[in-house]
Amino acid sequence: MRSQLAKITLDKTFEEMDTLTENIVKSINEAASDRGLQCLHYEIRAISPPHRVKAAIERRRALALESEGERQAIINIVYEKKNFVILASNAAMMDQVNRAKGEMHNLQVVICY
């Protein structure tokens, strides 16, 4: 069991419990086949890592959540700045269009007279 647990991370251990159990049964059967024994069932009831490991995992998860929060905040700020630039650009473009229309109208008035 230890050799199988050493191959994967603790987080993966909980996610892949069925695969882990299958691998342990295979390992037991390989080791016991010379003696005519066969493992038919193996069950992992609980995995309790040491307190310091649990604390380290909780710290890592907290840092990951904090980092994700900061990342999302930066994305939100950049998105808002992008929208502001687009709106300002559209406003400047509409101002130029309106000025051009006004000049065109003035030219038409001058030409008509």
C-alpha atoms as a PDB file:
ATOM      1  CA  MET A   1       0.000   0.000   0.000  1.00  0.00           C
ATOM      2  CA  ARG A   2       2.810   2.398   0.840  1.00  0.00           C
ATOM      3  CA  SER A   3       4.501   1.906  -2.510  1.00  0.00           C
ATOM      4  CA  GLN A   4       1.229   2.658  -4.335  1.00  0.00           C
ATOM      5  CA  LEU A   5       0.513   5.699  -2.161  1.00  0.00           C
ATOM      6  CA  ALA A   6       4.009   7.027  -2.789  1.00  0.00           C
ATOM      7  CA  LYS A   7       3.310   7.142  -6.533  1.00  0.00           C
ATOM      8  CA  ILE A   8       0.547   9.743  -6.332  1.00  0.00           C
ATOM      9  CA  THR A   9      -0.176  12.970  -4.475  1.00  0.00           C
ATOM     10  CA  LEU A  10      -2.442  13.052  -1.454  1.00  0.00           C
ATOM     11  CA  ASP A  11      -5.106  14.989  -3.358  1.00  0.00           C
ATOM     12  CA  LYS A  12      -5.069  12.371  -6.129  1.00  0.00           C
ATOM     13  CA  THR A  13      -5.296   9.602  -3.523  1.00  0.00           C
ATOM     14  CA  PHE A  14      -8.801  10.697  -2.569  1.00  0.00           C
ATOM     15  CA  GLU A  15      -9.826  11.251  -6.201  1.00  0.00           C
ATOM     16  CA  GLU A  16      -8.509   7.925  -7.493  1.00  0.00           C
ATOM     17  CA  MET A  17      -9.376   5.577  -4.621  1.00  0.00           C
ATOM     18  CA  ASP A  18     -10.714   2.842  -6.956  1.00  0.00           C
ATOM     19  CA  THR A  19      -7.614   2.843  -9.148  1.00  0.00           C
ATOM     20  CA  LEU A  20      -5.419   2.846  -6.076  1.00  0.00           C
ATOM     21  CA  THR A  21      -7.273  -0.156  -4.653  1.00  0.00           C
ATOM     22  CA  GLU A  22      -6.943  -2.061  -7.956  1.00  0.00           C
ATOM     23  CA  ASN A  23      -3.202  -1.376  -8.054  1.00  0.00           C
ATOM     24  CA  ILE A  24      -2.783  -2.569  -4.469  1.00  0.00           C
ATOM     25  CA  VAL A  25      -4.671  -5.811  -5.217  1.00  0.00           C
ATOM     26  CA  LYS A  26      -2.446  -6.397  -8.279  1.00  0.00           C
ATOM     27  CA  SER A  27       0.685  -5.818  -6.197  1.00  0.00           C
ATOM     28  CA  ILE A  28      -0.502  -8.180  -3.460  1.00  0.00           C
ATOM     29  CA  ASN A  29      -1.397 -10.870  -5.996  1.00  0.00           C
ATOM     30  CA  GLU A  30       1.973 -10.556  -7.755  1.00  0.00           C
ATOM     31  CA  ALA A  31       3.799 -10.933  -4.452  1.00  0.00           C
ATOM     32  CA  ALA A  32       1.594 -13.796  -3.193  1.00  0.00           C
ATOM     33  CA  SER A  33       1.205 -15.832  -6.404  1.00  0.00           C
ATOM     34  CA  ASP A  34       4.356 -17.918  -5.696  1.00  0.00           C
ATOM     35  CA  ARG A  35       2.729 -19.123  -2.465  1.00  0.00           C
ATOM     36  CA  GLY A  36      -0.588 -19.948  -4.106  1.00  0.00           C
ATOM     37  CA  LEU A  37      -2.447 -17.085  -2.458  1.00  0.00           C
ATOM     38  CA  GLN A  38      -4.807 -14.633  -4.109  1.00  0.00           C
ATOM     39  CA  CYS A  39      -6.262 -11.381  -2.777  1.00  0.00           C
ATOM     40  CA  LEU A  40      -9.958 -11.178  -3.648  1.00  0.00           C
ATOM     41  CA  HIS A  41     -10.855  -7.957  -1.873  1.00  0.00           C
ATOM     42  CA  TYR A  42      -9.010  -4.977  -0.464  1.00  0.00           C
ATOM     43  CA  GLU A  43     -10.637  -1.947   1.068  1.00  0.00           C
ATOM     44  CA  ILE A  44      -9.168   1.360   2.142  1.00  0.00           C
ATOM     45  CA  ARG A  45     -11.450   2.615   4.859  1.00  0.00           C
ATOM     46  CA  ALA A  46      -9.739   5.867   5.713  1.00  0.00           C
ATOM     47  CA  ILE A  47      -6.596   7.780   4.960  1.00  0.00           C
ATOM     48  CA  SER A  48      -5.519  10.084   7.748  1.00  0.00           C
ATOM     49  CA  PRO A  49      -2.371  12.037   6.974  1.00  0.00           C
ATOM     50  CA  PRO A  50      -0.369  13.499   9.855  1.00  0.00           C
ATOM     51  CA  HIS A  51      -1.527  16.841  11.256  1.00  0.00           C
ATOM     52  CA  ARG A  52       1.437  18.724   9.775  1.00  0.00           C
ATOM     53  CA  VAL A  53       0.611  17.337   6.317  1.00  0.00           C
ATOM     54  CA  LYS A  54      -3.028  18.379   6.694  1.00  0.00           C
ATOM     55  CA  ALA A  55      -1.918  21.851   7.804  1.00  0.00           C
ATOM     56  CA  ALA A  56       0.437  22.156   4.826  1.00  0.00           C
ATOM     57  CA  ILE A  57      -2.330  21.138   2.429  1.00  0.00           C
ATOM     58  CA  GLU A  58      -4.714  23.672   3.969  1.00  0.00           C
ATOM     59  CA  ARG A  59      -2.073  26.423   3.666  1.00  0.00           C
ATOM     60  CA  ARG A  60      -1.437  25.489   0.050  1.00  0.00           C
ATOM     61  CA  ARG A  61      -5.148  25.550  -0.741  1.00  0.00           C
ATOM     62  CA  ALA A  62      -5.551  28.901   1.011  1.00  0.00           C
ATOM     63  CA  LEU A  63      -2.673  30.347  -1.003  1.00  0.00           C
ATOM     64  CA  ALA A  64      -4.171  28.963  -4.206  1.00  0.00           C
ATOM     65  CA  LEU A  65      -7.554  30.509  -3.409  1.00  0.00           C
ATOM     66  CA  GLU A  66      -5.941  33.833  -2.531  1.00  0.00           C
ATOM     67  CA  SER A  67      -3.903  33.755  -5.724  1.00  0.00           C
ATOM     68  CA  GLU A  68      -7.005  32.948  -7.782  1.00  0.00           C
ATOM     69  CA  GLY A  69      -8.847  35.842  -6.129  1.00  0.00           C
ATOM     70  CA  GLU A  70      -6.008  38.249  -6.950  1.00  0.00           C
ATOM     71  CA  ARG A  71      -5.883  36.925 -10.508  1.00  0.00           C
ATOM     72  CA  GLN A  72      -9.618  37.460 -10.957  1.00  0.00           C
ATOM     73  CA  ALA A  73      -9.355  40.983  -9.506  1.00  0.00           C
ATOM     74  CA  ILE A  74      -6.625  41.846 -12.027  1.00  0.00           C
ATOM     75  CA  ILE A  75      -8.735  40.410 -14.860  1.00  0.00           C
ATOM     76  CA  ASN A  76     -11.694  42.522 -13.725  1.00  0.00           C
ATOM     77  CA  ILE A  77      -9.570  45.693 -13.588  1.00  0.00           C
ATOM     78  CA  VAL A  78      -8.110  45.069 -17.049  1.00  0.00           C
ATOM     79  CA  TYR A  79     -11.573  44.334 -18.437  1.00  0.00           C
ATOM     80  CA  GLU A  80     -12.951  47.595 -17.027  1.00  0.00           C
ATOM     81  CA  LYS A  81      -9.987  49.567 -18.413  1.00  0.00           C
ATOM     82  CA  LYS A  82     -10.521  47.951 -21.811  1.00  0.00           C
ATOM     83  CA  ASN A  83     -14.203  48.913 -21.743  1.00  0.00           C
ATOM     84  CA  PHE A  84     -13.303  52.468 -20.755  1.00  0.00           C
ATOM     85  CA  VAL A  85     -10.849  52.761 -23.662  1.00  0.00           C
ATOM     86  CA  ILE A  86     -13.454  51.373 -26.071  1.00  0.00           C
ATOM     87  CA  LEU A  87     -16.107  53.803 -24.845  1.00  0.00           C
ATOM     88  CA  ALA A  88     -13.688  56.746 -25.013  1.00  0.00           C
ATOM     89  CA  SER A  89     -12.640  55.707 -28.514  1.00  0.00           C
ATOM     90  CA  ASN A  90     -16.260  55.403 -29.624  1.00  0.00           C
ATOM     91  CA  ALA A  91     -17.059  58.812 -28.139  1.00  0.00           C
ATOM     92  CA  ALA A  92     -14.081  60.387 -29.935  1.00  0.00           C
ATOM     93  CA  MET A  93     -15.103  58.718 -33.185  1.00  0.00           C
ATOM     94  CA  MET A  94     -18.710  59.944 -32.851  1.00  0.00           C
ATOM     95  CA  ASP A  95     -17.415  63.435 -32.109  1.00  0.00           C
ATOM     96  CA  GLN A  96     -15.356  63.359 -35.321  1.00  0.00           C
ATOM     97  CA  VAL A  97     -18.338  62.038 -37.302  1.00  0.00           C
ATOM     98  CA  ASN A  98     -20.575  64.782 -35.926  1.00  0.00           C
ATOM     99  CA  ARG A  99     -17.984  67.457 -36.712  1.00  0.00           C
ATOM    100  CA  ALA A 100     -17.564  66.115 -40.236  1.00  0.00           C
ATOM    101  CA  LYS A 101     -21.343  66.119 -40.721  1.00  0.00           C
ATOM    102  CA  GLY A 102     -21.487  69.683 -39.437  1.00  0.00           C
ATOM    103  CA  GLU A 103     -18.721  70.784 -41.803  1.00  0.00           C
ATOM    104  CA  MET A 104     -20.408  68.966 -44.669  1.00  0.00           C
ATOM    105  CA  HIS A 105     -23.676  70.743 -43.861  1.00  0.00           C
ATOM    106  CA  ASN A 106     -21.864  74.084 -43.742  1.00  0.00           C
ATOM    107  CA  LEU A 107     -20.265  73.364 -47.120  1.00  0.00           C
ATOM    108  CA  GLN A 108     -23.633  72.462 -48.611  1.00  0.00           C
ATOM    109  CA  VAL A 109     -25.120  75.685 -47.305  1.00  0.00           C
ATOM    110  CA  VAL A 110     -22.250  77.724 -48.772  1.00  0.00           C
ATOM    111  CA  ILE A 111     -22.473  75.963 -52.140  1.00  0.00           C
ATOM    112  CA  CYS A 112     -26.239  76.491 -52.343  1.00  0.00           C
ATOM    113  CA  TYR A 113     -25.921  80.246 -52.124  1.00  0.00           C
END
